[in-house]
Every structure is written in C-alpha cells, then in structure tokens.
Amino acid sequence: MGFGTGLNALLTLIEAEKYHFPIQFNTLEAYPISTQQADTLNYIDILDCSKYSDAFRLMHNTLSGQTLQLSKYYSFTKHITKIEDFIPIDKYNLVFYDAFAPTTQPELWDELMMKRIYDLLDNQAVLVSYCAKGSFKRALKAAGFILEPLPGPKGKREMTRALKG
C-alpha cells in the first residue's frame, strides 16, 4: 500500500532473487512519482544493485494494472488508484503499509481502513509499517489484528507488525 519511491518493491525483488522465492508483488499508488524523481534517489548505487536498474525503472514506468515478469521469481503489478477505489481479485499474504503519516492522511490510518485491509488478507497474513503511533495500533487491534512491535531502522525506535489471526 503506497508504492511511493519503489524502495520496498526493489528490496523485495532483490530478496526474491537472493532466496529464489517466488513473489507476486502488487502495489497501490494514488500519486506516482516520475522515473526522473526515482532516479534522483540513487537507490541503485546506494544498494550496489546495478543489475536491477532496468527492472526498477520499469516499475516506475508501467501502466496501471499491467503485470511485469521482472525475473524468474518476481512479478510486479502497480495499480494507480486510491485504496478506497481498489477492487482486489485475490487475497494477500503481506502488506507493506507505507501510506503517508496519520497526521497527513488520517483516513488511511483509522479503524475503518484497517478493517478493509484485514478483509483483503489471507489467514496468517502480515501487515508491516514504519508507523508505531498509538492510534494506528489501536485501529489495528480493533480491526482484529494481533500486534508485535519490531525494532525500527536507524533513527526510529519501533515499527509495527500486525498478524491476521
């Protein structure tokens, strides 16, 4: 949820290749950035992963709903839409919940939205987010998720992992 700069998609591609684990990556993005903006982030050089440069650019250039087979283990579909307008055809196993902050887009972080996400998931699925705000955690719990705190990346104390029971 929230393709944004494409970092989660790129890292998932790298891991799928590393572990030979098949991934069907679907992402939603209401306001995609341009390929030129993505290039300025310099992820390919920072991560030293030049062999994924073309795939990363394709992720940013793909049409909405088009599925790309970017490697033997990784297919990618980007839906250019708001989550409120998204009509899924499958259940999902993992959600990277990477929407803007609750203070910026509160409607994406409330109990009603978390219930919608819960209903999109298979049993035993996982939602992860950089957000660890109390109101977000309460909304997840109210929707039926079981929460587990995770250590955050550098500069962030904690992240959230939510499990569908």
N, C-alpha and C. Protein backbone atom coordinates (compact mmCIF):
# COMPACT_ATOMS: atom_id res chain seq x y z
N MET A 1 0.86 -1.17 0.00
CA MET A 1 0.00 0.00 0.00
C MET A 1 0.89 1.22 0.00
N GLY A 2 0.95 1.89 -1.11
CA GLY A 2 1.82 3.05 -1.24
C GLY A 2 3.14 2.65 -1.89
N PHE A 3 3.19 2.57 -3.21
CA PHE A 3 4.43 2.25 -3.92
C PHE A 3 5.48 3.31 -3.67
N GLY A 4 5.06 4.58 -3.64
CA GLY A 4 5.97 5.68 -3.32
C GLY A 4 7.20 5.71 -4.19
N THR A 5 8.36 5.63 -3.57
CA THR A 5 9.63 5.69 -4.29
C THR A 5 10.02 4.34 -4.88
N GLY A 6 9.33 3.28 -4.49
CA GLY A 6 9.62 1.95 -5.01
C GLY A 6 10.67 1.18 -4.21
N LEU A 7 11.11 1.72 -3.09
CA LEU A 7 12.16 1.06 -2.31
C LEU A 7 11.73 -0.33 -1.83
N ASN A 8 10.54 -0.46 -1.27
CA ASN A 8 10.09 -1.78 -0.81
C ASN A 8 10.01 -2.77 -1.97
N ALA A 9 9.53 -2.32 -3.11
CA ALA A 9 9.43 -3.20 -4.28
C ALA A 9 10.82 -3.64 -4.74
N LEU A 10 11.77 -2.72 -4.77
CA LEU A 10 13.13 -3.05 -5.18
C LEU A 10 13.78 -4.03 -4.21
N LEU A 11 13.67 -3.76 -2.92
CA LEU A 11 14.26 -4.65 -1.92
C LEU A 11 13.62 -6.04 -1.97
N THR A 12 12.33 -6.09 -2.24
CA THR A 12 11.64 -7.39 -2.34
C THR A 12 12.13 -8.16 -3.56
N LEU A 13 12.34 -7.47 -4.67
CA LEU A 13 12.90 -8.10 -5.86
C LEU A 13 14.28 -8.69 -5.55
N ILE A 14 15.11 -7.93 -4.91
CA ILE A 14 16.47 -8.38 -4.57
C ILE A 14 16.41 -9.63 -3.68
N GLU A 15 15.53 -9.62 -2.69
CA GLU A 15 15.41 -10.77 -1.78
C GLU A 15 14.80 -11.98 -2.48
N ALA A 16 13.84 -11.77 -3.36
CA ALA A 16 13.26 -12.88 -4.11
C ALA A 16 14.33 -13.59 -4.93
N GLU A 17 15.19 -12.81 -5.55
CA GLU A 17 16.28 -13.38 -6.35
C GLU A 17 17.31 -14.07 -5.46
N LYS A 18 17.63 -13.45 -4.37
CA LYS A 18 18.64 -14.00 -3.46
C LYS A 18 18.23 -15.36 -2.91
N TYR A 19 16.96 -15.49 -2.53
CA TYR A 19 16.48 -16.71 -1.90
C TYR A 19 15.69 -17.62 -2.85
N HIS A 20 15.59 -17.22 -4.12
CA HIS A 20 14.83 -18.00 -5.11
C HIS A 20 13.42 -18.28 -4.61
N PHE A 21 12.81 -17.22 -4.11
CA PHE A 21 11.47 -17.30 -3.53
C PHE A 21 10.49 -16.57 -4.44
N PRO A 22 9.47 -17.25 -4.96
CA PRO A 22 8.56 -16.57 -5.89
C PRO A 22 7.67 -15.54 -5.19
N ILE A 23 7.63 -14.36 -5.76
CA ILE A 23 6.84 -13.25 -5.23
C ILE A 23 5.98 -12.67 -6.34
N GLN A 24 4.71 -12.48 -6.03
CA GLN A 24 3.82 -11.70 -6.90
C GLN A 24 3.55 -10.40 -6.15
N PHE A 25 4.25 -9.35 -6.54
CA PHE A 25 4.20 -8.07 -5.84
C PHE A 25 3.13 -7.20 -6.49
N ASN A 26 2.11 -6.86 -5.71
CA ASN A 26 1.06 -5.93 -6.16
C ASN A 26 1.17 -4.68 -5.30
N THR A 27 1.05 -3.53 -5.91
CA THR A 27 1.14 -2.30 -5.14
C THR A 27 0.11 -1.30 -5.62
N LEU A 28 -0.30 -0.47 -4.69
CA LEU A 28 -1.23 0.62 -4.99
C LEU A 28 -0.49 1.93 -4.84
N GLU A 29 -0.75 2.85 -5.74
CA GLU A 29 -0.16 4.19 -5.63
C GLU A 29 -1.12 5.19 -6.26
N ALA A 30 -1.59 6.11 -5.45
CA ALA A 30 -2.52 7.12 -5.94
C ALA A 30 -1.79 8.25 -6.67
N TYR A 31 -0.57 8.55 -6.23
CA TYR A 31 0.15 9.70 -6.77
C TYR A 31 1.58 9.30 -7.12
N PRO A 32 1.78 8.59 -8.23
CA PRO A 32 3.12 8.09 -8.56
C PRO A 32 4.11 9.21 -8.85
N ILE A 33 5.35 8.95 -8.44
CA ILE A 33 6.42 9.89 -8.79
C ILE A 33 6.94 9.52 -10.18
N SER A 34 7.65 10.44 -10.79
CA SER A 34 8.19 10.19 -12.13
C SER A 34 9.45 9.33 -12.03
N THR A 35 9.82 8.75 -13.15
CA THR A 35 11.06 7.97 -13.20
C THR A 35 12.24 8.87 -12.91
N GLN A 36 12.19 10.11 -13.38
CA GLN A 36 13.28 11.05 -13.12
C GLN A 36 13.42 11.32 -11.61
N GLN A 37 12.30 11.45 -10.92
CA GLN A 37 12.36 11.63 -9.46
C GLN A 37 12.96 10.39 -8.79
N ALA A 38 12.54 9.22 -9.24
CA ALA A 38 13.07 7.97 -8.68
C ALA A 38 14.57 7.87 -8.90
N ASP A 39 15.04 8.30 -10.07
CA ASP A 39 16.48 8.25 -10.37
C ASP A 39 17.28 9.11 -9.41
N THR A 40 16.74 10.24 -8.99
CA THR A 40 17.47 11.14 -8.10
C THR A 40 17.68 10.54 -6.71
N LEU A 41 16.88 9.54 -6.36
CA LEU A 41 17.04 8.89 -5.05
C LEU A 41 18.29 8.03 -4.98
N ASN A 42 18.77 7.61 -6.15
CA ASN A 42 20.05 6.91 -6.26
C ASN A 42 20.07 5.55 -5.54
N TYR A 43 18.92 4.90 -5.42
CA TYR A 43 18.85 3.61 -4.73
C TYR A 43 19.76 2.56 -5.36
N ILE A 44 19.84 2.55 -6.66
CA ILE A 44 20.63 1.54 -7.35
C ILE A 44 22.10 1.62 -6.93
N ASP A 45 22.65 2.82 -6.85
CA ASP A 45 24.05 2.98 -6.43
C ASP A 45 24.20 2.73 -4.93
N ILE A 46 23.29 3.26 -4.14
CA ILE A 46 23.38 3.09 -2.69
C ILE A 46 23.32 1.62 -2.30
N LEU A 47 22.45 0.87 -2.96
CA LEU A 47 22.30 -0.56 -2.66
C LEU A 47 23.26 -1.43 -3.45
N ASP A 48 24.05 -0.81 -4.34
CA ASP A 48 25.00 -1.52 -5.19
C ASP A 48 24.32 -2.69 -5.91
N CYS A 49 23.27 -2.33 -6.64
CA CYS A 49 22.47 -3.36 -7.30
C CYS A 49 22.17 -2.97 -8.75
N SER A 50 23.19 -2.65 -9.49
CA SER A 50 23.01 -2.17 -10.86
C SER A 50 22.29 -3.17 -11.76
N LYS A 51 22.37 -4.46 -11.44
CA LYS A 51 21.70 -5.44 -12.28
C LYS A 51 20.18 -5.31 -12.22
N TYR A 52 19.66 -4.56 -11.24
CA TYR A 52 18.22 -4.34 -11.11
C TYR A 52 17.76 -2.97 -11.61
N SER A 53 18.67 -2.23 -12.20
CA SER A 53 18.37 -0.88 -12.66
C SER A 53 17.22 -0.84 -13.66
N ASP A 54 17.26 -1.69 -14.66
CA ASP A 54 16.19 -1.71 -15.67
C ASP A 54 14.85 -2.11 -15.05
N ALA A 55 14.88 -3.10 -14.18
CA ALA A 55 13.64 -3.54 -13.53
C ALA A 55 13.05 -2.41 -12.68
N PHE A 56 13.90 -1.70 -11.97
CA PHE A 56 13.44 -0.60 -11.13
C PHE A 56 12.79 0.51 -11.97
N ARG A 57 13.40 0.82 -13.09
CA ARG A 57 12.83 1.84 -13.98
C ARG A 57 11.49 1.35 -14.55
N LEU A 58 11.40 0.07 -14.90
CA LEU A 58 10.13 -0.47 -15.41
C LEU A 58 9.02 -0.38 -14.36
N MET A 59 9.37 -0.61 -13.11
CA MET A 59 8.36 -0.49 -12.04
C MET A 59 7.74 0.90 -12.04
N HIS A 60 8.55 1.90 -12.28
CA HIS A 60 8.06 3.28 -12.27
C HIS A 60 7.33 3.63 -13.56
N ASN A 61 7.64 2.96 -14.65
CA ASN A 61 7.06 3.31 -15.95
C ASN A 61 5.86 2.46 -16.35
N THR A 62 5.55 1.42 -15.62
CA THR A 62 4.49 0.51 -16.02
C THR A 62 3.11 1.17 -15.98
N LEU A 63 2.24 0.68 -16.82
CA LEU A 63 0.86 1.15 -16.83
C LEU A 63 0.09 0.53 -15.66
N SER A 64 -0.93 1.19 -15.24
CA SER A 64 -1.76 0.68 -14.14
C SER A 64 -2.38 -0.66 -14.52
N GLY A 65 -2.22 -1.64 -13.65
CA GLY A 65 -2.81 -2.95 -13.86
C GLY A 65 -1.99 -3.89 -14.72
N GLN A 66 -0.91 -3.39 -15.32
CA GLN A 66 -0.05 -4.23 -16.16
C GLN A 66 0.88 -5.05 -15.26
N THR A 67 0.97 -6.35 -15.52
CA THR A 67 1.87 -7.21 -14.77
C THR A 67 3.16 -7.41 -15.56
N LEU A 68 4.27 -7.19 -14.87
CA LEU A 68 5.59 -7.38 -15.46
C LEU A 68 6.27 -8.57 -14.78
N GLN A 69 6.81 -9.48 -15.55
CA GLN A 69 7.62 -10.57 -15.00
C GLN A 69 9.06 -10.07 -15.04
N LEU A 70 9.52 -9.54 -13.91
CA LEU A 70 10.82 -8.88 -13.88
C LEU A 70 11.98 -9.84 -13.63
N SER A 71 11.67 -11.04 -13.20
CA SER A 71 12.68 -12.08 -13.05
C SER A 71 11.96 -13.42 -12.96
N LYS A 72 12.72 -14.46 -12.87
CA LYS A 72 12.14 -15.80 -12.73
C LYS A 72 11.28 -15.89 -11.47
N TYR A 73 11.63 -15.12 -10.45
CA TYR A 73 10.98 -15.23 -9.15
C TYR A 73 10.09 -14.05 -8.78
N TYR A 74 10.00 -13.06 -9.65
CA TYR A 74 9.35 -11.81 -9.22
C TYR A 74 8.48 -11.23 -10.33
N SER A 75 7.18 -11.17 -10.04
CA SER A 75 6.28 -10.44 -10.94
C SER A 75 5.77 -9.21 -10.20
N PHE A 76 5.46 -8.19 -10.95
CA PHE A 76 5.14 -6.87 -10.39
C PHE A 76 3.92 -6.28 -11.09
N THR A 77 2.96 -5.85 -10.29
CA THR A 77 1.79 -5.15 -10.81
C THR A 77 1.56 -3.90 -9.96
N LYS A 78 1.47 -2.76 -10.64
CA LYS A 78 1.18 -1.49 -9.94
C LYS A 78 -0.21 -1.03 -10.35
N HIS A 79 -1.01 -0.73 -9.36
CA HIS A 79 -2.35 -0.20 -9.59
C HIS A 79 -2.31 1.28 -9.21
N ILE A 80 -2.53 2.14 -10.19
CA ILE A 80 -2.53 3.57 -9.92
C ILE A 80 -3.95 3.96 -9.53
N THR A 81 -4.17 3.92 -8.23
CA THR A 81 -5.50 4.17 -7.68
C THR A 81 -5.39 4.42 -6.18
N LYS A 82 -6.42 4.97 -5.62
CA LYS A 82 -6.52 5.08 -4.17
C LYS A 82 -7.03 3.76 -3.63
N ILE A 83 -6.66 3.44 -2.42
CA ILE A 83 -7.11 2.19 -1.82
C ILE A 83 -8.63 2.15 -1.70
N GLU A 84 -9.24 3.30 -1.50
CA GLU A 84 -10.69 3.36 -1.38
C GLU A 84 -11.38 2.92 -2.67
N ASP A 85 -10.70 3.06 -3.79
CA ASP A 85 -11.27 2.71 -5.09
C ASP A 85 -10.79 1.36 -5.63
N PHE A 86 -9.89 0.72 -4.92
CA PHE A 86 -9.28 -0.53 -5.38
C PHE A 86 -10.23 -1.71 -5.19
N ILE A 87 -10.38 -2.50 -6.24
CA ILE A 87 -11.20 -3.71 -6.18
C ILE A 87 -10.26 -4.90 -6.37
N PRO A 88 -9.94 -5.61 -5.29
CA PRO A 88 -9.00 -6.72 -5.38
C PRO A 88 -9.63 -7.95 -6.01
N ILE A 89 -8.78 -8.79 -6.62
CA ILE A 89 -9.26 -10.05 -7.15
C ILE A 89 -8.69 -11.23 -6.36
N ASP A 90 -7.72 -10.97 -5.51
CA ASP A 90 -7.08 -12.01 -4.70
C ASP A 90 -7.02 -11.57 -3.24
N LYS A 91 -6.68 -12.52 -2.39
CA LYS A 91 -6.32 -12.21 -1.01
C LYS A 91 -4.80 -12.08 -0.98
N TYR A 92 -4.30 -11.35 0.00
CA TYR A 92 -2.87 -11.06 0.05
C TYR A 92 -2.25 -11.66 1.30
N ASN A 93 -0.94 -11.95 1.22
CA ASN A 93 -0.20 -12.56 2.32
C ASN A 93 0.61 -11.56 3.13
N LEU A 94 0.94 -10.44 2.51
CA LEU A 94 1.78 -9.44 3.17
C LEU A 94 1.42 -8.07 2.65
N VAL A 95 1.32 -7.12 3.56
CA VAL A 95 1.09 -5.72 3.19
C VAL A 95 2.20 -4.88 3.80
N PHE A 96 2.91 -4.15 2.95
CA PHE A 96 3.79 -3.09 3.42
C PHE A 96 2.91 -1.85 3.48
N TYR A 97 2.51 -1.44 4.68
CA TYR A 97 1.62 -0.30 4.80
C TYR A 97 2.48 0.95 4.91
N ASP A 98 2.63 1.60 3.77
CA ASP A 98 3.58 2.70 3.65
C ASP A 98 2.89 3.97 3.16
N ALA A 99 1.68 4.18 3.64
CA ALA A 99 0.97 5.42 3.30
C ALA A 99 1.63 6.59 4.04
N PHE A 100 1.29 7.81 3.63
CA PHE A 100 1.81 8.96 4.37
C PHE A 100 1.36 8.88 5.82
N ALA A 101 1.93 9.68 6.66
CA ALA A 101 1.69 9.63 8.10
C ALA A 101 0.23 9.87 8.47
N PRO A 102 -0.18 9.35 9.63
CA PRO A 102 -1.56 9.56 10.09
C PRO A 102 -1.95 11.03 10.21
N THR A 103 -0.99 11.88 10.47
CA THR A 103 -1.30 13.31 10.56
C THR A 103 -1.57 13.92 9.19
N THR A 104 -1.00 13.32 8.14
CA THR A 104 -1.17 13.82 6.78
C THR A 104 -2.42 13.26 6.11
N GLN A 105 -2.66 11.98 6.28
CA GLN A 105 -3.81 11.31 5.67
C GLN A 105 -4.52 10.45 6.72
N PRO A 106 -5.21 11.07 7.67
CA PRO A 106 -5.81 10.30 8.77
C PRO A 106 -6.80 9.23 8.31
N GLU A 107 -7.46 9.44 7.18
CA GLU A 107 -8.45 8.47 6.69
C GLU A 107 -7.81 7.15 6.28
N LEU A 108 -6.50 7.11 6.08
CA LEU A 108 -5.82 5.87 5.72
C LEU A 108 -5.32 5.09 6.93
N TRP A 109 -5.54 5.63 8.12
CA TRP A 109 -4.99 5.03 9.32
C TRP A 109 -6.05 4.71 10.38
N ASP A 110 -7.29 4.89 10.06
CA ASP A 110 -8.33 4.68 11.08
C ASP A 110 -8.83 3.24 11.10
N GLU A 111 -9.71 2.95 12.04
CA GLU A 111 -10.22 1.59 12.22
C GLU A 111 -10.94 1.07 10.98
N LEU A 112 -11.70 1.91 10.33
CA LEU A 112 -12.43 1.50 9.13
C LEU A 112 -11.47 1.04 8.03
N MET A 113 -10.39 1.78 7.82
CA MET A 113 -9.41 1.38 6.81
C MET A 113 -8.67 0.12 7.22
N MET A 114 -8.35 -0.01 8.50
CA MET A 114 -7.65 -1.22 8.95
C MET A 114 -8.54 -2.45 8.81
N LYS A 115 -9.84 -2.29 8.99
CA LYS A 115 -10.77 -3.40 8.76
C LYS A 115 -10.80 -3.76 7.28
N ARG A 116 -10.77 -2.76 6.41
CA ARG A 116 -10.71 -3.02 4.96
C ARG A 116 -9.45 -3.81 4.62
N ILE A 117 -8.32 -3.41 5.17
CA ILE A 117 -7.06 -4.11 4.92
C ILE A 117 -7.15 -5.54 5.47
N TYR A 118 -7.67 -5.68 6.67
CA TYR A 118 -7.83 -7.00 7.29
C TYR A 118 -8.61 -7.93 6.36
N ASP A 119 -9.67 -7.43 5.78
CA ASP A 119 -10.52 -8.23 4.90
C ASP A 119 -9.84 -8.59 3.57
N LEU A 120 -8.80 -7.85 3.19
CA LEU A 120 -8.05 -8.14 1.95
C LEU A 120 -7.03 -9.26 2.13
N LEU A 121 -6.81 -9.66 3.39
CA LEU A 121 -5.72 -10.58 3.68
C LEU A 121 -6.17 -12.02 3.87
N ASP A 122 -5.28 -12.94 3.49
CA ASP A 122 -5.45 -14.35 3.79
C ASP A 122 -5.24 -14.56 5.29
N ASN A 123 -5.68 -15.70 5.81
CA ASN A 123 -5.38 -16.06 7.19
C ASN A 123 -3.88 -16.17 7.37
N GLN A 124 -3.39 -15.76 8.50
CA GLN A 124 -1.97 -15.78 8.85
C GLN A 124 -1.15 -14.75 8.08
N ALA A 125 -1.79 -13.82 7.41
CA ALA A 125 -1.08 -12.77 6.66
C ALA A 125 -0.50 -11.74 7.64
N VAL A 126 0.38 -10.92 7.11
CA VAL A 126 1.12 -9.95 7.92
C VAL A 126 1.01 -8.56 7.29
N LEU A 127 0.86 -7.56 8.13
CA LEU A 127 0.97 -6.16 7.74
C LEU A 127 2.16 -5.59 8.50
N VAL A 128 3.05 -4.88 7.81
CA VAL A 128 4.15 -4.19 8.48
C VAL A 128 4.12 -2.73 8.09
N SER A 129 4.53 -1.88 9.04
CA SER A 129 4.53 -0.44 8.81
C SER A 129 5.63 0.21 9.63
N TYR A 130 6.18 1.29 9.08
CA TYR A 130 7.12 2.10 9.85
C TYR A 130 6.41 2.85 10.97
N CYS A 131 5.11 3.00 10.84
CA CYS A 131 4.33 3.74 11.82
C CYS A 131 4.16 2.92 13.10
N ALA A 132 4.37 3.56 14.24
CA ALA A 132 4.17 2.91 15.53
C ALA A 132 3.30 3.78 16.43
N LYS A 133 2.55 4.68 15.84
CA LYS A 133 1.70 5.61 16.59
C LYS A 133 0.59 4.84 17.31
N GLY A 134 0.27 5.27 18.52
CA GLY A 134 -0.72 4.60 19.35
C GLY A 134 -2.09 4.48 18.69
N SER A 135 -2.55 5.54 18.04
CA SER A 135 -3.87 5.49 17.41
C SER A 135 -3.92 4.47 16.28
N PHE A 136 -2.80 4.31 15.56
CA PHE A 136 -2.72 3.31 14.50
C PHE A 136 -2.79 1.91 15.09
N LYS A 137 -2.05 1.68 16.16
CA LYS A 137 -2.06 0.37 16.81
C LYS A 137 -3.45 0.03 17.35
N ARG A 138 -4.12 1.01 17.91
CA ARG A 138 -5.48 0.77 18.42
C ARG A 138 -6.43 0.43 17.27
N ALA A 139 -6.28 1.10 16.14
CA ALA A 139 -7.12 0.82 14.97
C ALA A 139 -6.86 -0.60 14.46
N LEU A 140 -5.60 -1.02 14.43
CA LEU A 140 -5.27 -2.38 14.02
C LEU A 140 -5.89 -3.42 14.94
N LYS A 141 -5.76 -3.20 16.23
CA LYS A 141 -6.34 -4.13 17.22
C LYS A 141 -7.85 -4.21 17.06
N ALA A 142 -8.49 -3.06 16.90
CA ALA A 142 -9.95 -3.03 16.76
C ALA A 142 -10.40 -3.77 15.50
N ALA A 143 -9.56 -3.78 14.47
CA ALA A 143 -9.88 -4.47 13.22
C ALA A 143 -9.66 -5.98 13.32
N GLY A 144 -8.98 -6.42 14.39
CA GLY A 144 -8.78 -7.85 14.59
C GLY A 144 -7.34 -8.33 14.50
N PHE A 145 -6.41 -7.43 14.25
CA PHE A 145 -5.00 -7.82 14.14
C PHE A 145 -4.39 -8.10 15.51
N ILE A 146 -3.38 -8.95 15.51
CA ILE A 146 -2.54 -9.21 16.67
C ILE A 146 -1.24 -8.46 16.43
N LEU A 147 -0.84 -7.61 17.37
CA LEU A 147 0.32 -6.73 17.14
C LEU A 147 1.60 -7.27 17.75
N GLU A 148 2.70 -7.00 17.05
CA GLU A 148 4.04 -7.29 17.52
C GLU A 148 4.93 -6.10 17.19
N PRO A 149 5.54 -5.49 18.19
CA PRO A 149 6.47 -4.41 17.88
C PRO A 149 7.75 -4.98 17.27
N LEU A 150 8.35 -4.21 16.38
CA LEU A 150 9.62 -4.56 15.77
C LEU A 150 10.60 -3.43 16.01
N PRO A 151 11.90 -3.74 16.12
CA PRO A 151 12.88 -2.66 16.20
C PRO A 151 12.83 -1.84 14.91
N GLY A 152 12.92 -0.54 15.05
CA GLY A 152 12.88 0.33 13.89
C GLY A 152 14.23 0.46 13.21
N PRO A 153 14.24 1.03 12.00
CA PRO A 153 15.52 1.29 11.33
C PRO A 153 16.26 2.42 12.05
N LYS A 154 17.44 2.69 11.60
CA LYS A 154 18.26 3.74 12.21
C LYS A 154 17.45 5.04 12.32
N GLY A 155 17.42 5.60 13.51
CA GLY A 155 16.71 6.85 13.75
C GLY A 155 15.25 6.67 14.12
N LYS A 156 14.78 5.43 14.19
CA LYS A 156 13.38 5.16 14.54
C LYS A 156 13.36 4.05 15.57
N ARG A 157 12.72 4.30 16.69
CA ARG A 157 12.73 3.35 17.79
C ARG A 157 12.00 2.05 17.46
N GLU A 158 10.86 2.16 16.79
CA GLU A 158 10.00 0.99 16.64
C GLU A 158 9.22 1.02 15.34
N MET A 159 8.87 -0.17 14.85
CA MET A 159 7.96 -0.36 13.73
C MET A 159 6.81 -1.25 14.23
N THR A 160 5.82 -1.47 13.36
CA THR A 160 4.68 -2.29 13.73
C THR A 160 4.54 -3.47 12.79
N ARG A 161 4.32 -4.65 13.39
CA ARG A 161 3.93 -5.84 12.62
C ARG A 161 2.57 -6.28 13.18
N ALA A 162 1.62 -6.49 12.27
CA ALA A 162 0.28 -6.90 12.65
C ALA A 162 -0.05 -8.21 11.93
N LEU A 163 -0.54 -9.18 12.68
CA LEU A 163 -0.83 -10.50 12.15
C LEU A 163 -2.33 -10.72 12.09
N LYS A 164 -2.79 -11.30 11.00
CA LYS A 164 -4.19 -11.68 10.90
C LYS A 164 -4.33 -13.08 11.47
N GLY A 165 -5.10 -13.20 12.55
CA GLY A 165 -5.25 -14.50 13.21
C GLY A 165 -6.26 -15.39 12.56
